Amino acid sequence: MIHKDFKKWMATLMMGLFATATAQAYDFEKDGIFYNVTSLEDLTVEVTYEGEKGHSNYYGEITIPQTIEWNERTFTVTAIGDWAFFQSDITSINMPSSITRIEEVAFSHCDQLDSIAIPNSVTYIGIIAFGSCKNLKSISLPNNLETISSGTFEECNSLKSIVLPENLKSIERGDDLSSGAFESCANLSSVTLPGSLTNLGENTFRGCIKLDTVFVKSSTPIAIDESVFPTETYLNGTLLVPQSCKSVYQNATVWKNFTNIMETEYADPTVRLLTVTVNGGGYVTFLGQTLENGSLDWNVDANSSVYISAYPEEGYRTVITVRDEKGNSSTIEGLNFSNVEIGEDPVTVEVTFTKIPVTLTVQQAESGYVEVEAEYGQTRTVRITPYDGWRINSVTLDGTDYTYMLDAENRFTTPELYSNAFLNVAFEQYDSDGVRGISADGTKVYAQEGRLVIDQATPGSLIRIYDESGSEMKSFTTDGSRTETTLPANHVYIVKTPQKSVKIKL
């Protein structure tokens, strides 16, 4: 039972709070949920109650949104406030991943609540937050939780087992004014203490008279007070410790009070370790968590599935590799999501963001084409050297003329490349007039989307097109306008005007 002085303190506290309560304890209400603004600068709110403290009007299924619109502002819900759902008739609660705090007495005496899943974003749970929830059978604690306050789950009489999260460091002690964190959980029979735990407060499991199995994952016993566990647990229960640690616990103060100490290669039958690693270049989300770089571990239910979404930065693509402890692995490339199946073994998910490769294909008549690889968003520089007797007629990138961008050494630098591109170079040779022909004939020949384009030819000029064997393919007299001709691809063609020949590959 709960300490009599604590009950007296609670009654006195509630009477004082009721006497000083204002008629309206909230700043605004939206869709049946009441909010207090916690920061106008950061635009954050916490869920609160309507009217007097200790008189919550919530009932049924409650879903708290991550953000809420009010007076043309968007607020983020970051906390469940003090006494928010105290003694309410809620049957379930869905909390968003923006929640980081659950304040004191927030869900105390919610007798219709039978399970609770606290998102991994929560780092603080206040005293008596779930105290006296008589029908609470299942609790999923957040992996980021480092401290459990006194009285947090006192008198949760339907709770039969609890696995404490792997990052938990401290369970605060109960004293004359507050209960132990799990005090008087009358049907609690099994508890798992993580290896990360460094402080196990006084009276934590006082009154848990059915507690008969304690799993300890640490190979080094931490200092505890005898009041942590009931006398019945020391006498009749079993303490399970890691391999080769039995003698250590048998000689440790208080721990040696356990009559039955056994070594075990313990693996929780309901929980498996999920490790997710990300290498940068994007981020992933899963189970309400966001990871941009590095590695994080989560405990998840065995024989379940976890949906992972990847969000690559611009210019990156996603590679997701899933492997289990037995060496089984699978890799998915190019998809930004994966439904990861959690079986009987720990699972590691590696999300790699790699630069999208971009190919610049250089086509020119003398040597076929050259493929140059670039990273997404990069530029590439190409030096163009005509054979003796030839000069550059045109340089086009995906059909756009960039001849004017050649420098004095005939180098061309592409714009930033965001997809595969084709750089086409056409060379020309003057047939008779030599240098004088340069000013006399400014015909440009280039490729555009697989077609041969002839432009800027002198009106009235006869244009002949030959294939590489010398056979004439087409001929026409130009009026000086731009002319497009469709010819078979992957061939070299020679375009002859009265004064020059232009060689190009399509």
Protein backbone atom coordinates (compact mmCIF):
# COMPACT_ATOMS: atom_id res chain seq x y z
CA MET A 1 0.00 0.00 0.00
CA ILE A 2 1.03 3.59 -0.52
CA HIS A 3 2.64 5.32 2.44
CA LYS A 4 0.02 6.94 4.68
CA ASP A 5 1.99 10.20 4.93
CA PHE A 6 2.10 10.37 1.16
CA LYS A 7 -1.69 10.06 0.91
CA LYS A 8 -2.07 12.80 3.51
CA TRP A 9 0.34 14.98 1.54
CA MET A 10 -1.55 14.37 -1.72
CA ALA A 11 -4.88 15.26 -0.11
CA THR A 12 -3.47 18.47 1.38
CA LEU A 13 -1.85 19.40 -1.91
CA MET A 14 -5.02 18.85 -3.93
CA MET A 15 -7.15 20.90 -1.51
CA GLY A 16 -4.71 23.78 -1.76
CA LEU A 17 -4.64 23.57 -5.52
CA PHE A 18 -8.42 23.50 -5.79
CA ALA A 19 -8.68 26.54 -3.53
CA THR A 20 -6.29 28.59 -5.63
CA ALA A 21 -7.39 27.37 -9.06
CA THR A 22 -8.73 29.88 -11.52
CA ALA A 23 -11.87 29.43 -13.53
CA GLN A 24 -9.82 28.85 -16.71
CA ALA A 25 -6.48 27.07 -16.50
CA TYR A 26 -5.76 26.98 -20.23
CA ASP A 27 -4.75 29.49 -22.92
CA PHE A 28 -6.82 28.07 -25.76
CA GLU A 29 -8.79 24.99 -26.85
CA LYS A 30 -8.74 23.25 -30.23
CA ASP A 31 -10.69 20.13 -31.25
CA GLY A 32 -11.50 19.27 -27.65
CA ILE A 33 -7.93 19.49 -26.33
CA PHE A 34 -6.78 22.30 -24.03
CA TYR A 35 -3.38 23.95 -24.30
CA ASN A 36 -1.10 26.26 -22.36
CA VAL A 37 1.52 28.25 -24.24
CA THR A 38 4.98 27.44 -22.86
CA SER A 39 6.96 29.73 -25.19
CA LEU A 40 5.73 32.45 -27.51
CA GLU A 41 9.22 32.79 -28.93
CA ASP A 42 9.56 29.10 -29.82
CA LEU A 43 5.80 28.68 -30.40
CA THR A 44 5.46 25.66 -28.10
CA VAL A 45 2.49 24.47 -26.03
CA GLU A 46 1.66 21.75 -23.51
CA VAL A 47 -1.57 19.83 -23.12
CA THR A 48 -3.47 20.86 -20.00
CA TYR A 49 -6.90 20.48 -18.37
CA GLU A 50 -10.12 22.48 -18.46
CA GLY A 51 -11.26 24.29 -15.33
CA GLU A 52 -9.88 23.29 -11.94
CA LYS A 53 -6.77 21.20 -11.39
CA GLY A 54 -7.65 17.59 -10.66
CA HIS A 55 -10.94 17.72 -12.61
CA SER A 56 -10.08 16.53 -16.13
CA ASN A 57 -12.99 16.19 -18.57
CA TYR A 58 -11.17 14.05 -21.15
CA TYR A 59 -12.60 10.64 -22.09
CA GLY A 60 -12.30 7.88 -24.70
CA GLU A 61 -9.54 7.76 -27.31
CA ILE A 62 -7.30 10.83 -27.35
CA THR A 63 -4.93 11.70 -30.20
CA ILE A 64 -2.64 14.66 -29.59
CA PRO A 65 -1.47 16.44 -32.75
CA GLN A 66 2.16 17.36 -33.29
CA THR A 67 1.29 20.90 -34.32
CA ILE A 68 -1.77 23.08 -33.77
CA GLU A 69 -2.95 26.21 -35.60
CA TRP A 70 -4.17 29.09 -33.45
CA ASN A 71 -4.58 32.75 -34.37
CA GLU A 72 -2.55 32.32 -37.56
CA ARG A 73 0.35 30.76 -35.67
CA THR A 74 1.57 27.19 -35.73
CA PHE A 75 2.43 25.83 -32.28
CA THR A 76 4.34 22.60 -31.59
CA VAL A 77 3.05 20.36 -28.81
CA THR A 78 6.09 19.48 -26.68
CA ALA A 79 4.69 18.33 -23.31
CA ILE A 80 1.84 16.78 -21.36
CA GLY A 81 1.36 19.27 -18.52
CA ASP A 82 0.88 18.73 -14.79
CA TRP A 83 -2.40 16.98 -13.95
CA ALA A 84 -3.50 17.17 -17.61
CA PHE A 85 -5.46 13.86 -17.62
CA PHE A 86 -5.72 13.25 -13.88
CA GLN A 87 -8.61 10.96 -12.96
CA SER A 88 -10.00 11.14 -16.51
CA ASP A 89 -11.90 8.44 -18.39
CA ILE A 90 -9.51 8.18 -21.33
CA THR A 91 -9.16 4.67 -22.79
CA SER A 92 -6.11 5.31 -25.01
CA ILE A 93 -3.67 8.09 -25.74
CA ASN A 94 -1.63 8.68 -28.91
CA MET A 95 1.27 11.06 -28.41
CA PRO A 96 3.31 12.65 -31.24
CA SER A 97 7.10 12.45 -31.51
CA SER A 98 7.33 16.16 -30.62
CA ILE A 99 6.51 15.38 -26.96
CA THR A 100 9.64 15.55 -24.79
CA ARG A 101 8.15 15.80 -21.27
CA ILE A 102 5.33 14.22 -19.30
CA GLU A 103 4.87 16.31 -16.19
CA GLU A 104 3.80 15.40 -12.66
CA VAL A 105 0.53 13.54 -12.07
CA ALA A 106 -0.26 13.84 -15.80
CA PHE A 107 -2.10 10.48 -16.10
CA SER A 108 -2.56 9.55 -12.46
CA HIS A 109 -5.76 7.63 -11.62
CA CYS A 110 -6.72 7.03 -15.28
CA ASP A 111 -8.51 3.79 -14.45
CA GLN A 112 -9.73 3.08 -18.02
CA LEU A 113 -6.21 3.19 -19.49
CA ASP A 114 -4.88 -0.34 -20.07
CA SER A 115 -1.76 0.33 -22.17
CA ILE A 116 0.57 3.21 -22.89
CA ALA A 117 3.27 3.67 -25.56
CA ILE A 118 5.50 6.62 -24.75
CA PRO A 119 7.36 7.98 -27.80
CA ASN A 120 11.14 7.83 -27.84
CA SER A 121 11.28 11.63 -27.93
CA VAL A 122 10.27 11.75 -24.25
CA THR A 123 13.27 12.35 -21.94
CA TYR A 124 11.47 13.26 -18.71
CA ILE A 125 8.53 11.73 -16.83
CA GLY A 126 7.45 13.50 -13.64
CA ILE A 127 6.55 12.06 -10.25
CA ILE A 128 3.32 10.06 -10.00
CA ALA A 129 2.80 10.60 -13.75
CA PHE A 130 1.00 7.22 -14.06
CA GLY A 131 0.34 6.56 -10.39
CA SER A 132 -2.70 4.44 -9.49
CA CYS A 133 -3.65 3.56 -13.05
CA LYS A 134 -5.38 0.40 -11.83
CA ASN A 135 -5.87 -1.29 -15.20
CA LEU A 136 -2.56 -0.40 -16.84
CA LYS A 137 -1.20 -3.72 -18.11
CA SER A 138 1.37 -2.69 -20.72
CA ILE A 139 3.98 0.08 -20.70
CA SER A 140 6.39 0.87 -23.56
CA LEU A 141 9.04 3.20 -22.16
CA PRO A 142 11.10 5.49 -24.42
CA ASN A 143 14.65 4.47 -25.23
CA ASN A 144 15.90 8.01 -24.59
CA LEU A 145 14.58 8.04 -21.03
CA GLU A 146 17.43 8.37 -18.54
CA THR A 147 15.52 8.92 -15.27
CA ILE A 148 12.33 7.52 -13.76
CA SER A 149 10.93 9.75 -11.02
CA SER A 150 9.61 8.58 -7.69
CA GLY A 151 6.05 7.28 -7.70
CA THR A 152 5.86 7.28 -11.49
CA PHE A 153 4.07 3.91 -11.68
CA GLU A 154 3.07 3.33 -8.05
CA GLU A 155 -0.05 1.21 -7.49
CA CYS A 156 -0.35 0.11 -11.12
CA ASN A 157 -1.91 -3.14 -9.93
CA SER A 158 -2.47 -4.78 -13.33
CA LEU A 159 1.17 -4.45 -14.39
CA LYS A 160 2.84 -7.88 -14.45
CA SER A 161 6.23 -7.25 -16.05
CA ILE A 162 8.40 -4.32 -17.02
CA VAL A 163 11.49 -4.08 -19.22
CA LEU A 164 13.36 -0.87 -18.44
CA PRO A 165 14.97 0.89 -21.44
CA GLU A 166 18.61 0.33 -22.29
CA ASN A 167 19.67 3.96 -21.75
CA LEU A 168 18.06 4.31 -18.33
CA LYS A 169 20.55 5.55 -15.73
CA SER A 170 18.57 6.37 -12.60
CA ILE A 171 15.38 5.42 -10.76
CA GLU A 172 14.75 8.05 -8.09
CA ARG A 173 14.16 6.98 -4.52
CA GLY A 174 10.88 7.05 -2.67
CA ASP A 175 10.73 8.63 0.78
CA ASP A 176 8.17 9.74 3.39
CA LEU A 177 6.51 12.12 0.92
CA SER A 178 6.66 10.04 -2.22
CA SER A 179 6.44 6.39 -3.18
CA GLY A 180 9.05 4.31 -4.95
CA ALA A 181 8.78 4.37 -8.74
CA PHE A 182 6.99 0.97 -8.85
CA GLU A 183 5.86 0.77 -5.25
CA SER A 184 2.83 -1.39 -4.47
CA CYS A 185 2.41 -2.76 -8.00
CA ALA A 186 0.63 -5.73 -6.48
CA ASN A 187 0.90 -8.11 -9.47
CA LEU A 188 4.34 -7.18 -10.81
CA SER A 189 6.24 -10.48 -11.14
CA SER A 190 9.15 -9.75 -13.50
CA VAL A 191 11.49 -6.81 -14.00
CA THR A 192 14.51 -6.33 -16.28
CA LEU A 193 17.20 -3.86 -15.22
CA PRO A 194 19.44 -2.56 -18.05
CA GLY A 195 23.21 -2.50 -17.92
CA SER A 196 23.15 1.29 -18.15
CA LEU A 197 21.51 1.67 -14.73
CA THR A 198 23.75 3.38 -12.14
CA ASN A 199 21.19 4.35 -9.49
CA LEU A 200 18.35 2.19 -8.17
CA GLY A 201 16.56 4.29 -5.57
CA GLU A 202 15.22 3.26 -2.20
CA ASN A 203 11.76 1.67 -2.09
CA THR A 204 11.62 1.30 -5.87
CA PHE A 205 9.79 -2.05 -5.69
CA ARG A 206 8.52 -1.84 -2.12
CA GLY A 207 5.19 -3.63 -1.76
CA CYS A 208 5.61 -5.60 -5.00
CA ILE A 209 4.88 -8.82 -3.14
CA LYS A 210 4.65 -11.02 -6.27
CA LEU A 211 7.99 -9.93 -7.73
CA ASP A 212 9.81 -13.24 -8.17
CA THR A 213 12.14 -12.70 -11.14
CA VAL A 214 14.74 -9.93 -11.46
CA PHE A 215 16.91 -9.80 -14.59
CA VAL A 216 20.10 -7.75 -14.22
CA LYS A 217 22.12 -7.05 -17.38
CA SER A 218 25.08 -5.38 -15.70
CA SER A 219 28.12 -7.53 -14.97
CA THR A 220 29.03 -5.17 -12.11
CA PRO A 221 26.55 -4.91 -9.20
CA ILE A 222 25.51 -1.33 -8.46
CA ALA A 223 25.08 -0.16 -4.87
CA ILE A 224 21.48 -0.48 -3.65
CA ASP A 225 19.59 -0.19 -0.38
CA GLU A 226 17.87 -3.24 1.05
CA SER A 227 14.52 -1.43 0.70
CA VAL A 228 14.67 -1.64 -3.11
CA PHE A 229 13.04 -5.10 -3.16
CA PRO A 230 10.50 -6.70 -0.80
CA THR A 231 11.74 -9.30 1.69
CA GLU A 232 9.66 -11.90 -0.16
CA THR A 233 11.68 -11.28 -3.33
CA TYR A 234 15.01 -11.78 -1.61
CA LEU A 235 13.78 -15.00 0.04
CA ASN A 236 11.74 -16.62 -2.73
CA GLY A 237 12.61 -14.85 -5.97
CA THR A 238 15.34 -15.50 -8.55
CA LEU A 239 18.08 -13.07 -9.51
CA LEU A 240 19.32 -13.69 -13.08
CA VAL A 241 22.77 -12.28 -13.84
CA PRO A 242 25.12 -12.38 -16.87
CA GLN A 243 27.41 -15.34 -17.47
CA SER A 244 30.42 -15.58 -15.11
CA CYS A 245 28.87 -13.01 -12.72
CA LYS A 246 27.19 -15.24 -10.15
CA SER A 247 30.03 -15.10 -7.63
CA VAL A 248 30.29 -11.32 -8.00
CA TYR A 249 26.64 -10.87 -7.03
CA GLN A 250 26.90 -13.46 -4.27
CA ASN A 251 29.55 -11.29 -2.64
CA ALA A 252 27.94 -7.89 -3.31
CA THR A 253 26.22 -5.97 -0.52
CA VAL A 254 22.41 -6.43 -0.56
CA TRP A 255 22.48 -8.43 -3.81
CA LYS A 256 23.84 -11.35 -1.82
CA ASN A 257 20.52 -11.36 0.08
CA PHE A 258 18.92 -13.17 -2.87
CA THR A 259 18.63 -16.84 -2.02
CA ASN A 260 18.55 -17.87 -5.68
CA ILE A 261 21.16 -16.34 -8.02
CA MET A 262 21.53 -17.86 -11.48
CA GLU A 263 23.63 -17.08 -14.53
CA THR A 264 21.87 -16.75 -17.86
CA GLU A 265 22.53 -15.70 -21.44
CA TYR A 266 19.54 -13.48 -21.14
CA ALA A 267 17.63 -12.21 -24.15
CA ASP A 268 14.21 -10.76 -23.47
CA PRO A 269 11.59 -12.96 -25.18
CA THR A 270 9.56 -9.97 -26.33
CA VAL A 271 12.20 -7.35 -27.18
CA ARG A 272 14.90 -7.24 -29.86
CA LEU A 273 17.64 -4.73 -30.52
CA LEU A 274 17.32 -2.61 -33.68
CA THR A 275 20.44 -0.66 -34.65
CA VAL A 276 20.12 2.03 -37.32
CA THR A 277 23.15 3.77 -38.82
CA VAL A 278 23.20 6.72 -41.22
CA ASN A 279 26.26 8.13 -42.97
CA GLY A 280 25.06 11.68 -43.76
CA GLY A 281 23.77 13.01 -47.05
CA GLY A 282 20.20 12.78 -45.75
CA TYR A 283 18.21 11.54 -42.78
CA VAL A 284 15.88 8.71 -41.80
CA THR A 285 12.75 8.53 -39.66
CA PHE A 286 11.29 5.53 -37.82
CA LEU A 287 9.34 4.90 -34.63
CA GLY A 288 8.93 8.66 -34.22
CA GLN A 289 12.71 9.20 -34.31
CA THR A 290 14.92 11.17 -36.70
CA LEU A 291 18.57 10.25 -37.32
CA GLU A 292 20.86 12.31 -39.57
CA ASN A 293 24.29 10.87 -38.88
CA GLY A 294 25.75 8.17 -36.64
CA SER A 295 24.15 5.15 -34.99
CA LEU A 296 21.33 4.60 -32.51
CA ASP A 297 19.86 1.53 -30.80
CA TRP A 298 16.19 0.89 -30.09
CA ASN A 299 14.34 -1.92 -28.38
CA VAL A 300 11.47 -3.15 -30.52
CA ASP A 301 9.01 -6.01 -30.27
CA ALA A 302 10.17 -9.35 -31.61
CA ASN A 303 8.33 -10.66 -34.68
CA SER A 304 7.18 -7.18 -35.62
CA SER A 305 8.01 -4.78 -38.44
CA VAL A 306 9.47 -1.28 -38.45
CA TYR A 307 8.83 1.17 -41.29
CA ILE A 308 11.90 3.24 -42.12
CA SER A 309 11.71 6.30 -44.38
CA ALA A 310 14.82 7.84 -45.95
CA TYR A 311 15.09 11.45 -47.08
CA PRO A 312 18.22 11.97 -49.22
CA GLU A 313 19.59 15.43 -49.82
CA GLU A 314 19.47 16.76 -53.37
CA GLY A 315 21.97 14.90 -55.50
CA TYR A 316 22.00 11.77 -53.32
CA ARG A 317 20.34 8.39 -53.67
CA THR A 318 19.50 5.83 -50.99
CA VAL A 319 20.96 2.39 -50.34
CA ILE A 320 19.34 0.47 -47.45
CA THR A 321 21.05 -2.68 -46.17
CA VAL A 322 19.36 -4.88 -43.55
CA ARG A 323 21.30 -7.63 -41.77
CA ASP A 324 20.67 -9.81 -38.74
CA GLU A 325 23.03 -11.37 -36.21
CA LYS A 326 23.22 -14.60 -38.22
CA GLY A 327 24.68 -12.82 -41.24
CA ASN A 328 21.55 -12.76 -43.38
CA SER A 329 21.36 -9.52 -45.35
CA SER A 330 19.45 -7.76 -48.10
CA THR A 331 20.08 -4.49 -49.93
CA ILE A 332 17.60 -2.13 -51.55
CA GLU A 333 18.94 0.60 -53.84
CA GLY A 334 17.09 3.66 -55.02
CA LEU A 335 14.00 3.27 -52.80
CA ASN A 336 13.49 5.77 -49.99
CA PHE A 337 11.61 3.43 -47.68
CA SER A 338 11.84 -0.06 -46.25
CA ASN A 339 9.61 -2.22 -44.07
CA VAL A 340 12.13 -4.00 -41.82
CA GLU A 341 11.02 -7.32 -40.35
CA ILE A 342 12.20 -7.92 -36.78
CA GLY A 343 12.48 -11.64 -36.06
CA GLU A 344 14.24 -13.54 -33.30
CA ASP A 345 17.66 -11.93 -33.79
CA PRO A 346 18.98 -8.36 -33.39
CA VAL A 347 18.80 -6.39 -36.64
CA THR A 348 21.08 -3.72 -38.05
CA VAL A 349 19.87 -1.31 -40.74
CA GLU A 350 22.53 0.65 -42.60
CA VAL A 351 21.24 3.62 -44.60
CA THR A 352 23.84 4.97 -46.99
CA PHE A 353 23.36 8.11 -49.04
CA THR A 354 25.60 8.17 -52.11
CA LYS A 355 26.09 10.87 -54.71
CA ILE A 356 23.99 10.31 -57.81
CA PRO A 357 26.41 9.54 -60.70
CA VAL A 358 26.01 11.69 -63.82
CA THR A 359 27.46 10.70 -67.20
CA LEU A 360 28.60 13.27 -69.74
CA THR A 361 28.84 11.59 -73.15
CA VAL A 362 31.16 13.38 -75.57
CA GLN A 363 30.37 12.68 -79.23
CA GLN A 364 32.63 13.68 -82.07
CA ALA A 365 33.17 12.33 -85.55
CA GLU A 366 36.81 11.25 -85.41
CA SER A 367 36.84 9.00 -82.33
CA GLY A 368 33.32 7.89 -81.54
CA TYR A 369 32.40 9.12 -78.11
CA VAL A 370 33.87 9.36 -74.64
CA GLU A 371 31.88 8.99 -71.40
CA VAL A 372 33.00 11.18 -68.54
CA GLU A 373 31.58 10.54 -65.06
CA ALA A 374 30.67 13.39 -62.75
CA GLU A 375 28.88 13.75 -59.44
CA TYR A 376 25.45 15.30 -59.23
CA GLY A 377 25.76 19.10 -59.40
CA GLN A 378 29.36 19.11 -60.67
CA THR A 379 30.74 20.80 -63.76
CA ARG A 380 33.20 19.16 -66.16
CA THR A 381 35.81 20.79 -68.39
CA VAL A 382 36.62 19.35 -71.83
CA ARG A 383 39.52 20.43 -74.07
CA ILE A 384 38.73 20.10 -77.79
CA THR A 385 41.65 19.70 -80.23
CA PRO A 386 40.86 19.56 -83.99
CA TYR A 387 43.14 17.67 -86.38
CA ASP A 388 45.37 19.66 -88.74
CA GLY A 389 43.30 21.35 -91.40
CA TRP A 390 40.14 21.26 -89.30
CA ARG A 391 38.55 23.69 -86.90
CA ILE A 392 35.62 23.59 -84.49
CA ASN A 393 32.28 24.24 -86.11
CA SER A 394 29.96 23.81 -83.10
CA VAL A 395 29.85 22.64 -79.49
CA THR A 396 26.38 21.73 -78.23
CA LEU A 397 25.22 20.33 -74.90
CA ASP A 398 21.91 18.50 -75.20
CA GLY A 399 21.19 20.48 -78.34
CA THR A 400 22.00 23.93 -76.91
CA ASP A 401 24.82 25.81 -78.68
CA TYR A 402 27.72 26.59 -76.32
CA THR A 403 30.37 27.29 -78.99
CA TYR A 404 30.68 30.86 -77.73
CA MET A 405 31.86 29.56 -74.34
CA LEU A 406 35.08 28.04 -75.69
CA ASP A 407 38.14 29.75 -74.22
CA ALA A 408 41.34 30.64 -76.11
CA GLU A 409 42.60 27.07 -75.71
CA ASN A 410 39.34 25.52 -76.92
CA ARG A 411 38.28 24.41 -73.44
CA PHE A 412 34.60 24.14 -72.58
CA THR A 413 33.22 23.93 -69.03
CA THR A 414 29.73 22.52 -68.72
CA PRO A 415 27.05 24.01 -66.50
CA GLU A 416 26.33 22.03 -63.30
CA LEU A 417 25.16 18.55 -64.30
CA TYR A 418 22.00 17.20 -62.64
CA SER A 419 21.29 14.40 -65.14
CA ASN A 420 23.00 12.51 -67.95
CA ALA A 421 23.98 14.84 -70.79
CA PHE A 422 25.37 14.72 -74.35
CA LEU A 423 28.14 17.02 -75.54
CA ASN A 424 28.41 17.05 -79.34
CA VAL A 425 31.36 18.53 -81.23
CA ALA A 426 31.27 19.18 -85.01
CA PHE A 427 34.47 19.98 -86.97
CA GLU A 428 34.71 21.87 -90.26
CA GLN A 429 37.21 22.03 -93.10
CA TYR A 430 37.34 24.65 -95.84
CA ASP A 431 37.41 23.21 -99.32
CA SER A 432 38.89 25.95 -101.51
CA ASP A 433 38.95 29.50 -100.22
CA GLY A 434 40.96 28.88 -97.08
CA VAL A 435 40.87 31.69 -94.58
CA ARG A 436 38.66 33.78 -96.84
CA GLY A 437 35.99 31.14 -96.50
CA ILE A 438 35.68 31.77 -92.81
CA SER A 439 33.88 35.04 -93.29
CA ALA A 440 32.10 33.89 -96.42
CA ASP A 441 30.37 30.84 -94.88
CA GLY A 442 29.13 30.84 -91.30
CA THR A 443 27.08 27.65 -91.56
CA LYS A 444 26.64 25.94 -88.17
CA VAL A 445 26.00 22.20 -87.96
CA TYR A 446 25.05 20.48 -84.71
CA ALA A 447 23.00 17.65 -83.20
CA GLN A 448 19.78 18.15 -81.26
CA GLU A 449 17.71 15.28 -79.82
CA GLY A 450 19.06 12.87 -82.44
CA ARG A 451 18.43 15.19 -85.40
CA LEU A 452 20.93 16.98 -87.61
CA VAL A 453 20.49 20.77 -87.52
CA ILE A 454 21.86 23.14 -90.17
CA ASP A 455 21.69 26.84 -89.36
CA GLN A 456 23.04 30.21 -90.48
CA ALA A 457 23.85 28.96 -93.99
CA THR A 458 24.14 31.52 -96.81
CA PRO A 459 20.76 31.78 -98.60
CA GLY A 460 20.80 30.07 -102.00
CA SER A 461 23.62 27.67 -101.01
CA LEU A 462 23.40 24.05 -102.06
CA ILE A 463 23.69 21.78 -99.03
CA ARG A 464 24.69 18.13 -99.50
CA ILE A 465 24.73 15.51 -96.72
CA TYR A 466 26.91 12.36 -97.12
CA ASP A 467 27.35 9.33 -94.90
CA GLU A 468 30.80 8.10 -93.90
CA SER A 469 31.02 5.86 -96.99
CA GLY A 470 30.56 8.88 -99.29
CA SER A 471 26.98 8.13 -100.32
CA GLU A 472 24.81 11.20 -100.64
CA MET A 473 21.89 11.03 -98.16
CA LYS A 474 20.14 14.35 -98.88
CA SER A 475 20.60 17.61 -100.71
CA PHE A 476 18.69 20.90 -100.78
CA THR A 477 19.09 24.60 -101.45
CA THR A 478 18.82 26.59 -98.25
CA ASP A 479 16.91 29.84 -97.81
CA GLY A 480 19.10 30.64 -94.79
CA SER A 481 16.61 29.44 -92.17
CA ARG A 482 17.25 26.71 -89.60
CA THR A 483 16.76 23.22 -91.06
CA GLU A 484 16.36 19.94 -89.16
CA THR A 485 17.02 16.56 -90.78
CA THR A 486 16.32 13.13 -89.33
CA LEU A 487 19.04 10.58 -90.04
CA PRO A 488 20.01 7.16 -88.59
CA ALA A 489 21.79 7.50 -85.25
CA ASN A 490 25.34 6.38 -84.36
CA HIS A 491 26.78 7.38 -87.72
CA VAL A 492 29.25 10.00 -88.94
CA TYR A 493 27.96 12.48 -91.52
CA ILE A 494 29.64 15.09 -93.72
CA VAL A 495 27.70 18.25 -94.53
CA LYS A 496 29.10 20.08 -97.57
CA THR A 497 28.40 23.69 -98.47
CA PRO A 498 29.91 25.48 -101.47
CA GLN A 499 32.87 26.52 -99.32
CA LYS A 500 33.41 23.99 -96.51
CA SER A 501 32.78 20.50 -95.16
CA VAL A 502 31.50 19.83 -91.65
CA LYS A 503 31.97 16.43 -90.00
CA ILE A 504 29.59 15.41 -87.22
CA LYS A 505 28.43 12.26 -85.43
CA LEU A 506 24.81 11.70 -84.43
